[in-house]
Amino acid sequence: MKKIDIGRFSEQFEKEYDFLYENEDRVAGFDEAVAWFDEMLSHDWFKKFVQEFCVFRHDLLTSDRECAAFAFALEALGVLG
């Protein structure tokens, strides 16, 4: 995994979240992104980054939309490649 600039990630997360909100979550890959997020929580590095992000934004990820936005932001920034 590449190093993640949390500020840049947060900006991309907000873009992804807004896109999902505007489209009422009817976006290709939404369900898969949520499932992927849930599966990835078994990896320590992923769990740690989720925790760091929640501290950074002073809020928890509590909805499927937020989890999908998180996954889409990672993908958009090429973090996993």
PDB file of N, CA and C in Angstrom:
ATOM      1  N   MET A   1       0.833  -1.179   0.000  1.00  0.00           N
ATOM      2  CA  MET A   1       0.000   0.000   0.000  1.00  0.00           C
ATOM      3  C   MET A   1       0.881   1.246   0.000  1.00  0.00           C
ATOM      4  N   LYS A   2       0.444   2.256  -0.725  1.00  0.00           N
ATOM      5  CA  LYS A   2       1.164   3.523  -0.789  1.00  0.00           C
ATOM      6  C   LYS A   2       0.860   4.371   0.442  1.00  0.00           C
ATOM      7  N   LYS A   3       1.751   5.293   0.745  1.00  0.00           N
ATOM      8  CA  LYS A   3       1.521   6.234   1.845  1.00  0.00           C
ATOM      9  C   LYS A   3       0.341   7.135   1.475  1.00  0.00           C
ATOM     10  N   ILE A   4      -0.488   7.427   2.453  1.00  0.00           N
ATOM     11  CA  ILE A   4      -1.708   8.192   2.214  1.00  0.00           C
ATOM     12  C   ILE A   4      -1.606   9.557   2.881  1.00  0.00           C
ATOM     13  N   ASP A   5      -1.787  10.607   2.099  1.00  0.00           N
ATOM     14  CA  ASP A   5      -1.910  11.966   2.638  1.00  0.00           C
ATOM     15  C   ASP A   5      -3.353  12.101   3.120  1.00  0.00           C
ATOM     16  N   ILE A   6      -3.553  12.142   4.426  1.00  0.00           N
ATOM     17  CA  ILE A   6      -4.901  12.100   4.982  1.00  0.00           C
ATOM     18  C   ILE A   6      -5.735  13.324   4.601  1.00  0.00           C
ATOM     19  N   GLY A   7      -5.105  14.476   4.428  1.00  0.00           N
ATOM     20  CA  GLY A   7      -5.834  15.662   4.000  1.00  0.00           C
ATOM     21  C   GLY A   7      -6.360  15.505   2.584  1.00  0.00           C
ATOM     22  N   ARG A   8      -5.511  15.018   1.701  1.00  0.00           N
ATOM     23  CA  ARG A   8      -5.926  14.768   0.313  1.00  0.00           C
ATOM     24  C   ARG A   8      -6.987  13.675   0.264  1.00  0.00           C
ATOM     25  N   PHE A   9      -6.792  12.647   1.074  1.00  0.00           N
ATOM     26  CA  PHE A   9      -7.772  11.569   1.132  1.00  0.00           C
ATOM     27  C   PHE A   9      -9.120  12.105   1.599  1.00  0.00           C
ATOM     28  N   SER A  10      -9.110  12.962   2.599  1.00  0.00           N
ATOM     29  CA  SER A  10     -10.350  13.526   3.128  1.00  0.00           C
ATOM     30  C   SER A  10     -11.098  14.311   2.055  1.00  0.00           C
ATOM     31  N   GLU A  11     -10.373  15.075   1.253  1.00  0.00           N
ATOM     32  CA  GLU A  11     -11.003  15.821   0.161  1.00  0.00           C
ATOM     33  C   GLU A  11     -11.648  14.882  -0.847  1.00  0.00           C
ATOM     34  N   GLN A  12     -10.944  13.803  -1.191  1.00  0.00           N
ATOM     35  CA  GLN A  12     -11.499  12.836  -2.146  1.00  0.00           C
ATOM     36  C   GLN A  12     -12.691  12.108  -1.538  1.00  0.00           C
ATOM     37  N   PHE A  13     -12.598  11.781  -0.260  1.00  0.00           N
ATOM     38  CA  PHE A  13     -13.713  11.134   0.440  1.00  0.00           C
ATOM     39  C   PHE A  13     -14.969  12.005   0.338  1.00  0.00           C
ATOM     40  N   GLU A  14     -14.831  13.295   0.580  1.00  0.00           N
ATOM     41  CA  GLU A  14     -15.976  14.209   0.518  1.00  0.00           C
ATOM     42  C   GLU A  14     -16.566  14.255  -0.890  1.00  0.00           C
ATOM     43  N   LYS A  15     -15.717  14.257  -1.908  1.00  0.00           N
ATOM     44  CA  LYS A  15     -16.204  14.233  -3.295  1.00  0.00           C
ATOM     45  C   LYS A  15     -16.995  12.965  -3.566  1.00  0.00           C
ATOM     46  N   GLU A  16     -16.446  11.843  -3.135  1.00  0.00           N
ATOM     47  CA  GLU A  16     -17.122  10.558  -3.349  1.00  0.00           C
ATOM     48  C   GLU A  16     -18.436  10.505  -2.580  1.00  0.00           C
ATOM     49  N   TYR A  17     -18.412  10.974  -1.344  1.00  0.00           N
ATOM     50  CA  TYR A  17     -19.624  10.974  -0.523  1.00  0.00           C
ATOM     51  C   TYR A  17     -20.705  11.847  -1.166  1.00  0.00           C
ATOM     52  N   ASP A  18     -20.333  13.036  -1.606  1.00  0.00           N
ATOM     53  CA  ASP A  18     -21.296  13.940  -2.238  1.00  0.00           C
ATOM     54  C   ASP A  18     -21.889  13.317  -3.495  1.00  0.00           C
ATOM     55  N   PHE A  19     -21.054  12.664  -4.291  1.00  0.00           N
ATOM     56  CA  PHE A  19     -21.526  11.997  -5.503  1.00  0.00           C
ATOM     57  C   PHE A  19     -22.539  10.911  -5.147  1.00  0.00           C
ATOM     58  N   LEU A  20     -22.225  10.105  -4.141  1.00  0.00           N
ATOM     59  CA  LEU A  20     -23.145   9.048  -3.717  1.00  0.00           C
ATOM     60  C   LEU A  20     -24.449   9.642  -3.190  1.00  0.00           C
ATOM     61  N   TYR A  21     -24.353  10.702  -2.420  1.00  0.00           N
ATOM     62  CA  TYR A  21     -25.540  11.358  -1.863  1.00  0.00           C
ATOM     63  C   TYR A  21     -26.437  11.890  -2.978  1.00  0.00           C
ATOM     64  N   GLU A  22     -25.827  12.594  -3.924  1.00  0.00           N
ATOM     65  CA  GLU A  22     -26.591  13.178  -5.028  1.00  0.00           C
ATOM     66  C   GLU A  22     -27.284  12.114  -5.875  1.00  0.00           C
ATOM     67  N   ASN A  23     -26.703  10.930  -5.936  1.00  0.00           N
ATOM     68  CA  ASN A  23     -27.258   9.840  -6.738  1.00  0.00           C
ATOM     69  C   ASN A  23     -27.993   8.805  -5.894  1.00  0.00           C
ATOM     70  N   GLU A  24     -28.268   9.158  -4.649  1.00  0.00           N
ATOM     71  CA  GLU A  24     -29.012   8.300  -3.717  1.00  0.00           C
ATOM     72  C   GLU A  24     -28.447   6.880  -3.658  1.00  0.00           C
ATOM     73  N   ASP A  25     -27.121   6.798  -3.716  1.00  0.00           N
ATOM     74  CA  ASP A  25     -26.376   5.535  -3.627  1.00  0.00           C
ATOM     75  C   ASP A  25     -26.618   4.599  -4.810  1.00  0.00           C
ATOM     76  N   ARG A  26     -27.311   5.069  -5.833  1.00  0.00           N
ATOM     77  CA  ARG A  26     -27.563   4.235  -7.027  1.00  0.00           C
ATOM     78  C   ARG A  26     -26.392   4.413  -8.001  1.00  0.00           C
ATOM     79  N   VAL A  27     -25.261   3.841  -7.604  1.00  0.00           N
ATOM     80  CA  VAL A  27     -24.019   3.978  -8.353  1.00  0.00           C
ATOM     81  C   VAL A  27     -23.429   2.586  -8.545  1.00  0.00           C
ATOM     82  N   ALA A  28     -22.934   2.321  -9.746  1.00  0.00           N
ATOM     83  CA  ALA A  28     -22.307   1.022 -10.007  1.00  0.00           C
ATOM     84  C   ALA A  28     -21.183   0.779  -9.008  1.00  0.00           C
ATOM     85  N   GLY A  29     -21.189  -0.394  -8.426  1.00  0.00           N
ATOM     86  CA  GLY A  29     -20.135  -0.780  -7.499  1.00  0.00           C
ATOM     87  C   GLY A  29     -20.394  -0.413  -6.049  1.00  0.00           C
ATOM     88  N   PHE A  30     -21.534   0.216  -5.768  1.00  0.00           N
ATOM     89  CA  PHE A  30     -21.817   0.649  -4.394  1.00  0.00           C
ATOM     90  C   PHE A  30     -21.818  -0.536  -3.430  1.00  0.00           C
ATOM     91  N   ASP A  31     -22.615  -1.548  -3.726  1.00  0.00           N
ATOM     92  CA  ASP A  31     -22.716  -2.703  -2.824  1.00  0.00           C
ATOM     93  C   ASP A  31     -21.374  -3.410  -2.680  1.00  0.00           C
ATOM     94  N   GLU A  32     -20.650  -3.510  -3.770  1.00  0.00           N
ATOM     95  CA  GLU A  32     -19.344  -4.160  -3.725  1.00  0.00           C
ATOM     96  C   GLU A  32     -18.354  -3.359  -2.876  1.00  0.00           C
ATOM     97  N   ALA A  33     -18.416  -2.046  -2.965  1.00  0.00           N
ATOM     98  CA  ALA A  33     -17.523  -1.196  -2.163  1.00  0.00           C
ATOM     99  C   ALA A  33     -17.811  -1.351  -0.678  1.00  0.00           C
ATOM    100  N   VAL A  34     -19.083  -1.417  -0.317  1.00  0.00           N
ATOM    101  CA  VAL A  34     -19.456  -1.609   1.087  1.00  0.00           C
ATOM    102  C   VAL A  34     -18.963  -2.973   1.583  1.00  0.00           C
ATOM    103  N   ALA A  35     -19.170  -4.003   0.776  1.00  0.00           N
ATOM    104  CA  ALA A  35     -18.724  -5.348   1.162  1.00  0.00           C
ATOM    105  C   ALA A  35     -17.205  -5.395   1.288  1.00  0.00           C
ATOM    106  N   TRP A  36     -16.508  -4.739   0.358  1.00  0.00           N
ATOM    107  CA  TRP A  36     -15.044  -4.700   0.402  1.00  0.00           C
ATOM    108  C   TRP A  36     -14.571  -4.011   1.678  1.00  0.00           C
ATOM    109  N   PHE A  37     -15.170  -2.875   2.003  1.00  0.00           N
ATOM    110  CA  PHE A  37     -14.812  -2.154   3.215  1.00  0.00           C
ATOM    111  C   PHE A  37     -14.958  -3.070   4.430  1.00  0.00           C
ATOM    112  N   ASP A  38     -16.083  -3.755   4.533  1.00  0.00           N
ATOM    113  CA  ASP A  38     -16.328  -4.653   5.666  1.00  0.00           C
ATOM    114  C   ASP A  38     -15.276  -5.760   5.731  1.00  0.00           C
ATOM    115  N   GLU A  39     -14.940  -6.332   4.585  1.00  0.00           N
ATOM    116  CA  GLU A  39     -13.939  -7.405   4.542  1.00  0.00           C
ATOM    117  C   GLU A  39     -12.562  -6.895   4.953  1.00  0.00           C
ATOM    118  N   MET A  40     -12.225  -5.691   4.537  1.00  0.00           N
ATOM    119  CA  MET A  40     -10.896  -5.131   4.798  1.00  0.00           C
ATOM    120  C   MET A  40     -10.669  -4.812   6.272  1.00  0.00           C
ATOM    121  N   LEU A  41     -11.733  -4.706   7.048  1.00  0.00           N
ATOM    122  CA  LEU A  41     -11.572  -4.407   8.474  1.00  0.00           C
ATOM    123  C   LEU A  41     -10.833  -5.514   9.226  1.00  0.00           C
ATOM    124  N   SER A  42     -10.654  -6.653   8.589  1.00  0.00           N
ATOM    125  CA  SER A  42      -9.891  -7.732   9.226  1.00  0.00           C
ATOM    126  C   SER A  42      -8.375  -7.517   9.082  1.00  0.00           C
ATOM    127  N   HIS A  43      -7.971  -6.517   8.290  1.00  0.00           N
ATOM    128  CA  HIS A  43      -6.549  -6.196   8.099  1.00  0.00           C
ATOM    129  C   HIS A  43      -6.155  -5.047   9.027  1.00  0.00           C
ATOM    130  N   ASP A  44      -5.099  -5.260   9.782  1.00  0.00           N
ATOM    131  CA  ASP A  44      -4.680  -4.260  10.764  1.00  0.00           C
ATOM    132  C   ASP A  44      -4.353  -2.908  10.142  1.00  0.00           C
ATOM    133  N   TRP A  45      -3.623  -2.893   9.012  1.00  0.00           N
ATOM    134  CA  TRP A  45      -3.259  -1.620   8.379  1.00  0.00           C
ATOM    135  C   TRP A  45      -4.498  -0.835   7.982  1.00  0.00           C
ATOM    136  N   PHE A  46      -5.526  -1.549   7.507  1.00  0.00           N
ATOM    137  CA  PHE A  46      -6.754  -0.891   7.064  1.00  0.00           C
ATOM    138  C   PHE A  46      -7.518  -0.343   8.267  1.00  0.00           C
ATOM    139  N   LYS A  47      -7.657  -1.167   9.269  1.00  0.00           N
ATOM    140  CA  LYS A  47      -8.347  -0.749  10.481  1.00  0.00           C
ATOM    141  C   LYS A  47      -7.680   0.474  11.099  1.00  0.00           C
ATOM    142  N   LYS A  48      -6.344   0.477  11.098  1.00  0.00           N
ATOM    143  CA  LYS A  48      -5.593   1.605  11.652  1.00  0.00           C
ATOM    144  C   LYS A  48      -5.855   2.874  10.851  1.00  0.00           C
ATOM    145  N   PHE A  49      -5.871   2.780   9.524  1.00  0.00           N
ATOM    146  CA  PHE A  49      -6.120   3.964   8.718  1.00  0.00           C
ATOM    147  C   PHE A  49      -7.554   4.461   8.902  1.00  0.00           C
ATOM    148  N   VAL A  50      -8.510   3.557   9.004  1.00  0.00           N
ATOM    149  CA  VAL A  50      -9.897   3.966   9.261  1.00  0.00           C
ATOM    150  C   VAL A  50      -9.962   4.733  10.584  1.00  0.00           C
ATOM    151  N   GLN A  51      -9.299   4.229  11.600  1.00  0.00           N
ATOM    152  CA  GLN A  51      -9.282   4.908  12.897  1.00  0.00           C
ATOM    153  C   GLN A  51      -8.631   6.291  12.795  1.00  0.00           C
ATOM    154  N   GLU A  52      -7.507   6.378  12.100  1.00  0.00           N
ATOM    155  CA  GLU A  52      -6.835   7.667  11.918  1.00  0.00           C
ATOM    156  C   GLU A  52      -7.732   8.658  11.177  1.00  0.00           C
ATOM    157  N   PHE A  53      -8.441   8.168  10.166  1.00  0.00           N
ATOM    158  CA  PHE A  53      -9.327   9.026   9.401  1.00  0.00           C
ATOM    159  C   PHE A  53     -10.481   9.529  10.266  1.00  0.00           C
ATOM    160  N   CYS A  54     -11.024   8.664  11.086  1.00  0.00           N
ATOM    161  CA  CYS A  54     -12.130   9.065  11.970  1.00  0.00           C
ATOM    162  C   CYS A  54     -11.658  10.124  12.970  1.00  0.00           C
ATOM    163  N   VAL A  55     -10.462   9.975  13.479  1.00  0.00           N
ATOM    164  CA  VAL A  55      -9.908  10.984  14.388  1.00  0.00           C
ATOM    165  C   VAL A  55      -9.700  12.290  13.632  1.00  0.00           C
ATOM    166  N   PHE A  56      -9.154  12.211  12.423  1.00  0.00           N
ATOM    167  CA  PHE A  56      -8.891  13.388  11.603  1.00  0.00           C
ATOM    168  C   PHE A  56     -10.170  14.182  11.344  1.00  0.00           C
ATOM    169  N   ARG A  57     -11.257  13.481  11.031  1.00  0.00           N
ATOM    170  CA  ARG A  57     -12.507  14.174  10.685  1.00  0.00           C
ATOM    171  C   ARG A  57     -13.431  14.373  11.894  1.00  0.00           C
ATOM    172  N   HIS A  58     -13.015  13.881  13.048  1.00  0.00           N
ATOM    173  CA  HIS A  58     -13.804  14.014  14.286  1.00  0.00           C
ATOM    174  C   HIS A  58     -15.197  13.411  14.132  1.00  0.00           C
ATOM    175  N   ASP A  59     -15.258  12.267  13.470  1.00  0.00           N
ATOM    176  CA  ASP A  59     -16.537  11.603  13.233  1.00  0.00           C
ATOM    177  C   ASP A  59     -16.269  10.155  12.852  1.00  0.00           C
ATOM    178  N   LEU A  60     -17.210   9.291  13.187  1.00  0.00           N
ATOM    179  CA  LEU A  60     -17.102   7.885  12.842  1.00  0.00           C
ATOM    180  C   LEU A  60     -17.700   7.630  11.468  1.00  0.00           C
ATOM    181  N   LEU A  61     -17.309   6.532  10.855  1.00  0.00           N
ATOM    182  CA  LEU A  61     -17.949   6.071   9.635  1.00  0.00           C
ATOM    183  C   LEU A  61     -19.100   5.168  10.076  1.00  0.00           C
ATOM    184  N   THR A  62     -20.320   5.646   9.911  1.00  0.00           N
ATOM    185  CA  THR A  62     -21.460   4.906  10.460  1.00  0.00           C
ATOM    186  C   THR A  62     -22.475   4.455   9.413  1.00  0.00           C
ATOM    187  N   SER A  63     -22.274   4.827   8.173  1.00  0.00           N
ATOM    188  CA  SER A  63     -23.267   4.458   7.157  1.00  0.00           C
ATOM    189  C   SER A  63     -22.603   3.702   6.015  1.00  0.00           C
ATOM    190  N   ASP A  64     -23.418   2.966   5.288  1.00  0.00           N
ATOM    191  CA  ASP A  64     -22.914   2.297   4.097  1.00  0.00           C
ATOM    192  C   ASP A  64     -22.371   3.316   3.102  1.00  0.00           C
ATOM    193  N   ARG A  65     -23.016   4.469   3.004  1.00  0.00           N
ATOM    194  CA  ARG A  65     -22.559   5.509   2.078  1.00  0.00           C
ATOM    195  C   ARG A  65     -21.144   5.969   2.444  1.00  0.00           C
ATOM    196  N   GLU A  66     -20.883   6.159   3.725  1.00  0.00           N
ATOM    197  CA  GLU A  66     -19.553   6.575   4.153  1.00  0.00           C
ATOM    198  C   GLU A  66     -18.516   5.493   3.865  1.00  0.00           C
ATOM    199  N   CYS A  67     -18.884   4.250   4.102  1.00  0.00           N
ATOM    200  CA  CYS A  67     -17.951   3.153   3.848  1.00  0.00           C
ATOM    201  C   CYS A  67     -17.658   3.019   2.356  1.00  0.00           C
ATOM    202  N   ALA A  68     -18.683   3.164   1.523  1.00  0.00           N
ATOM    203  CA  ALA A  68     -18.475   3.111   0.080  1.00  0.00           C
ATOM    204  C   ALA A  68     -17.621   4.285  -0.377  1.00  0.00           C
ATOM    205  N   ALA A  69     -17.883   5.471   0.149  1.00  0.00           N
ATOM    206  CA  ALA A  69     -17.094   6.652  -0.208  1.00  0.00           C
ATOM    207  C   ALA A  69     -15.632   6.448   0.177  1.00  0.00           C
ATOM    208  N   PHE A  70     -15.389   5.832   1.303  1.00  0.00           N
ATOM    209  CA  PHE A  70     -14.030   5.536   1.761  1.00  0.00           C
ATOM    210  C   PHE A  70     -13.336   4.625   0.751  1.00  0.00           C
ATOM    211  N   ALA A  71     -14.012   3.558   0.351  1.00  0.00           N
ATOM    212  CA  ALA A  71     -13.436   2.618  -0.610  1.00  0.00           C
ATOM    213  C   ALA A  71     -13.200   3.294  -1.956  1.00  0.00           C
ATOM    214  N   PHE A  72     -14.179   4.057  -2.431  1.00  0.00           N
ATOM    215  CA  PHE A  72     -14.033   4.739  -3.719  1.00  0.00           C
ATOM    216  C   PHE A  72     -12.906   5.775  -3.669  1.00  0.00           C
ATOM    217  N   ALA A  73     -12.724   6.435  -2.548  1.00  0.00           N
ATOM    218  CA  ALA A  73     -11.644   7.421  -2.420  1.00  0.00           C
ATOM    219  C   ALA A  73     -10.283   6.728  -2.496  1.00  0.00           C
ATOM    220  N   LEU A  74     -10.140   5.602  -1.839  1.00  0.00           N
ATOM    221  CA  LEU A  74      -8.890   4.852  -1.939  1.00  0.00           C
ATOM    222  C   LEU A  74      -8.612   4.469  -3.384  1.00  0.00           C
ATOM    223  N   GLU A  75      -9.640   4.014  -4.061  1.00  0.00           N
ATOM    224  CA  GLU A  75      -9.477   3.627  -5.455  1.00  0.00           C
ATOM    225  C   GLU A  75      -9.127   4.824  -6.337  1.00  0.00           C
ATOM    226  N   ALA A  76      -9.836   5.936  -6.147  1.00  0.00           N
ATOM    227  CA  ALA A  76      -9.617   7.122  -6.962  1.00  0.00           C
ATOM    228  C   ALA A  76      -8.199   7.662  -6.821  1.00  0.00           C
ATOM    229  N   LEU A  77      -7.639   7.554  -5.632  1.00  0.00           N
ATOM    230  CA  LEU A  77      -6.289   8.062  -5.393  1.00  0.00           C
ATOM    231  C   LEU A  77      -5.195   7.041  -5.739  1.00  0.00           C
ATOM    232  N   GLY A  78      -5.612   5.864  -6.167  1.00  0.00           N
ATOM    233  CA  GLY A  78      -4.642   4.847  -6.546  1.00  0.00           C
ATOM    234  C   GLY A  78      -3.825   4.317  -5.392  1.00  0.00           C
ATOM    235  N   VAL A  79      -4.387   4.362  -4.220  1.00  0.00           N
ATOM    236  CA  VAL A  79      -3.662   3.960  -3.006  1.00  0.00           C
ATOM    237  C   VAL A  79      -3.377   2.464  -2.983  1.00  0.00           C
ATOM    238  N   LEU A  80      -4.269   1.682  -3.510  1.00  0.00           N
ATOM    239  CA  LEU A  80      -4.141   0.239  -3.383  1.00  0.00           C
ATOM    240  C   LEU A  80      -3.309  -0.403  -4.480  1.00  0.00           C
ATOM    241  N   GLY A  81      -3.007   0.354  -5.518  1.00  0.00           N
ATOM    242  CA  GLY A  81      -2.285  -0.197  -6.657  1.00  0.00           C
ATOM    243  C   GLY A  81      -0.812  -0.249  -6.492  1.00  0.00           C
TER     244      GLY A  81
END
